[in-house]
Protein backbone atom coordinates (compact mmCIF):
# COMPACT_ATOMS: atom_id res chain seq x y z
CA MET A 1 11.63 -86.05 -179.30
CA ALA A 2 10.20 -87.96 -176.32
CA ILE A 3 7.91 -86.15 -173.94
CA LYS A 4 9.50 -85.63 -170.35
CA SER A 5 7.43 -86.62 -167.43
CA GLU A 6 7.76 -82.97 -165.98
CA THR A 7 5.95 -81.52 -169.10
CA LEU A 8 2.87 -83.80 -168.62
CA THR A 9 -0.09 -81.94 -167.53
CA HIS A 10 -2.49 -83.04 -164.90
CA SER A 11 -5.33 -83.22 -167.45
CA SER A 12 -3.23 -85.51 -169.74
CA THR A 13 -2.55 -88.11 -166.89
CA GLN A 14 -6.09 -87.88 -165.45
CA ASN A 15 -7.49 -89.91 -168.46
CA SER A 16 -5.18 -92.89 -167.69
CA PRO A 17 -6.92 -95.59 -165.69
CA SER A 18 -3.39 -97.25 -164.79
CA ASP A 19 -2.29 -94.32 -162.66
CA SER A 20 -3.65 -94.93 -159.07
CA MET A 21 -2.55 -91.65 -157.51
CA ASP A 22 -5.26 -89.83 -159.53
CA SER A 23 -8.10 -92.15 -158.26
CA TYR A 24 -11.18 -90.29 -156.62
CA ASP A 25 -11.41 -93.19 -154.14
CA PRO A 26 -10.46 -91.99 -150.62
CA LEU A 27 -10.01 -95.49 -149.34
CA LEU A 28 -7.25 -96.13 -151.84
CA HIS A 29 -5.27 -93.20 -150.62
CA ILE A 30 -5.76 -94.36 -147.00
CA LEU A 31 -4.67 -97.87 -147.80
CA ARG A 32 -1.54 -96.56 -149.64
CA ILE A 33 -0.49 -94.07 -146.92
CA ILE A 34 -1.41 -95.62 -143.56
CA PRO A 35 0.53 -99.09 -143.66
CA PHE A 36 3.78 -97.28 -144.81
CA SER A 37 3.52 -94.65 -142.18
CA PHE A 38 4.78 -97.29 -139.54
CA LEU A 39 6.05 -100.02 -141.60
CA ARG A 40 9.36 -99.97 -143.09
CA LEU A 41 10.77 -102.29 -145.83
CA PRO A 42 13.82 -104.29 -144.44
CA ARG A 43 17.19 -103.59 -146.00
CA LEU A 44 18.13 -106.88 -147.40
CA ARG A 45 21.42 -107.52 -148.84
CA LEU A 46 20.83 -110.59 -150.86
CA LYS A 47 23.29 -111.81 -153.36
CA LEU A 48 22.11 -113.27 -156.61
CA PRO A 49 23.47 -116.71 -157.37
CA SER A 50 26.08 -116.72 -159.99
CA LEU A 51 25.49 -119.32 -162.63
CA SER A 52 28.09 -120.33 -165.03
CA LEU A 53 27.58 -122.18 -168.31
CA PRO A 54 28.52 -125.84 -168.33
CA SER A 55 31.52 -126.89 -170.46
CA SER A 56 30.91 -128.39 -173.95
CA THR A 57 32.03 -131.66 -172.78
CA THR A 58 29.37 -131.71 -170.05
CA ILE A 59 26.60 -130.92 -172.50
CA PHE A 60 28.00 -133.52 -175.00
CA SER A 61 27.93 -136.15 -172.20
CA LEU A 62 24.35 -135.31 -171.23
CA LEU A 63 23.18 -135.44 -174.95
CA LEU A 64 24.89 -138.62 -175.43
CA LEU A 65 23.40 -140.15 -172.35
CA THR A 66 19.96 -138.89 -173.25
CA TYR A 67 20.39 -140.36 -176.78
CA PHE A 68 21.52 -143.74 -175.33
CA MET A 69 18.45 -143.76 -173.07
CA VAL A 70 16.05 -142.98 -175.88
CA VAL A 71 17.26 -145.48 -178.37
CA SER A 72 17.62 -148.26 -175.71
CA GLY A 73 13.87 -147.99 -175.04
CA ILE A 74 14.17 -146.90 -171.33
CA VAL A 75 10.56 -145.44 -171.56
CA TYR A 76 9.42 -148.84 -172.74
CA ASP A 77 11.24 -150.57 -170.08
CA VAL A 78 9.70 -148.35 -167.42
CA ILE A 79 6.21 -148.74 -168.61
CA VAL A 80 6.05 -152.37 -169.56
CA GLU A 81 8.50 -153.78 -167.07
CA PRO A 82 9.85 -156.51 -169.21
CA PRO A 83 12.35 -159.15 -167.61
CA GLY A 84 15.99 -158.23 -168.08
CA ILE A 85 16.64 -161.70 -169.75
CA GLY A 86 14.51 -164.51 -171.05
CA SER A 87 14.87 -168.16 -171.08
CA THR A 88 13.80 -171.11 -173.32
CA GLN A 89 13.80 -174.73 -172.99
CA ASP A 90 15.91 -177.03 -175.35
CA ARG A 91 13.54 -179.48 -177.01
CA PHE A 92 16.09 -182.34 -177.15
CA THR A 93 17.93 -182.03 -173.65
CA GLY A 94 15.29 -180.27 -171.73
CA ALA A 95 17.85 -177.79 -170.39
CA VAL A 96 16.84 -174.09 -169.76
CA LYS A 97 18.96 -171.74 -171.72
CA PRO A 98 19.06 -167.89 -171.34
CA VAL A 99 17.82 -165.85 -174.39
CA VAL A 100 18.87 -162.23 -174.71
CA PHE A 101 16.65 -161.30 -177.76
CA LEU A 102 12.82 -161.69 -177.79
CA SER A 103 12.65 -163.29 -181.03
CA GLY A 104 9.58 -162.91 -183.32
CA ARG A 105 8.23 -159.73 -181.65
CA VAL A 106 9.39 -156.60 -183.31
CA ASN A 107 7.38 -154.53 -180.64
CA GLY A 108 8.75 -156.24 -177.50
CA GLN A 109 12.14 -156.47 -175.94
CA TYR A 110 14.07 -157.59 -173.04
CA ILE A 111 16.08 -154.98 -171.09
CA ILE A 112 19.46 -156.39 -172.22
CA GLU A 113 18.32 -156.36 -175.80
CA GLY A 114 17.42 -152.69 -175.58
CA LEU A 115 20.79 -151.67 -173.79
CA SER A 116 22.94 -153.70 -176.16
CA SER A 117 21.21 -152.33 -179.32
CA GLY A 118 21.32 -148.77 -177.72
CA PHE A 119 25.14 -149.26 -177.17
CA MET A 120 25.61 -150.24 -180.86
CA PHE A 121 23.79 -147.01 -182.07
CA VAL A 122 25.91 -144.81 -179.60
CA LEU A 123 29.03 -146.71 -180.85
CA GLY A 124 28.23 -145.92 -184.32
CA GLY A 125 27.49 -142.25 -183.66
CA ILE A 126 30.69 -141.91 -181.79
CA GLY A 127 32.49 -143.51 -184.87
CA ILE A 128 30.93 -140.78 -187.12
CA ILE A 129 31.99 -138.11 -184.63
CA LEU A 130 35.58 -139.46 -184.70
CA MET A 131 35.49 -139.59 -188.50
CA ASP A 132 34.56 -135.84 -188.45
CA LEU A 133 37.39 -135.05 -186.15
CA ALA A 134 39.78 -136.89 -188.43
CA LEU A 135 39.14 -134.17 -191.08
CA ASP A 136 40.56 -131.46 -189.08
CA LYS A 137 43.68 -130.08 -190.81
CA ASN A 138 45.13 -128.50 -187.61
CA ARG A 139 45.64 -131.91 -185.94
CA ASP A 140 48.87 -134.08 -186.33
CA ARG A 141 48.59 -136.57 -189.14
CA SER A 142 49.10 -139.47 -186.97
CA ILE A 143 46.11 -138.39 -184.70
CA ARG A 144 43.97 -137.96 -187.73
CA VAL A 145 44.80 -141.35 -189.12
CA SER A 146 44.01 -142.86 -185.61
CA TYR A 147 40.69 -140.97 -185.41
CA ALA A 148 39.81 -142.19 -188.78
CA SER A 149 40.61 -145.76 -188.22
CA VAL A 150 38.86 -145.96 -184.79
CA GLY A 151 35.92 -144.10 -186.46
CA ILE A 152 35.64 -146.39 -189.43
CA THR A 153 36.09 -149.47 -187.10
CA SER A 154 33.32 -148.51 -184.64
CA VAL A 155 31.00 -147.65 -187.47
CA VAL A 156 31.58 -151.03 -189.16
CA ILE A 157 31.21 -152.85 -185.89
CA SER A 158 28.03 -151.10 -184.96
CA TYR A 159 26.60 -151.81 -188.49
CA VAL A 160 27.51 -155.39 -188.44
CA MET A 161 26.20 -156.08 -184.94
CA SER A 162 23.02 -154.22 -185.49
CA MET A 163 22.22 -156.31 -188.63
CA LEU A 164 23.10 -159.48 -186.67
CA PHE A 165 20.64 -158.12 -183.94
CA ILE A 166 17.87 -157.65 -186.56
CA ARG A 167 18.58 -161.22 -188.06
CA ILE A 168 18.24 -162.71 -184.48
CA LYS A 169 15.13 -160.62 -183.75
CA ILE A 170 13.33 -161.36 -187.03
CA PRO A 171 14.56 -164.54 -188.39
CA ALA A 172 12.88 -164.27 -191.68
CA TYR A 173 14.22 -160.87 -192.37
CA LEU A 174 17.23 -160.09 -194.77
CA ARG A 175 17.78 -163.68 -195.96
């Protein structure tokens, strides 16, 4: 059974250093009593802010945006500050043509290159999520078929485009 505070004796509480009322210092008693003899605490009626949890759609959108920014190389773009798009000169005509991919350099990218590859990764991820939604037995069959077809199509498109991006980026790879 727990000991009640009324049953504690003065000798048992005298040994505890955390209790400041049993201090022998008279200055401490004066500092505890004098300010509160003429000062009163204000009566504040503050309301705590009510925070509601965000919806699952908001959380999913923030996570998807964060994933897009990470796989797009936003940190690299902020630190290195590469150009948005490159250019190259044609050997035969001398005309300057725009280049989207920084070919031959695996550890470098243009901004558009990172955004387009990040979009392909997000498209593949959304396709996997749609294929998972197609497995729900509580949905109508036509909706499940449309989820599955859109999911498979987006996964295939993102895979084919990512392999194309790799072939452009590294010409001697996958040949």
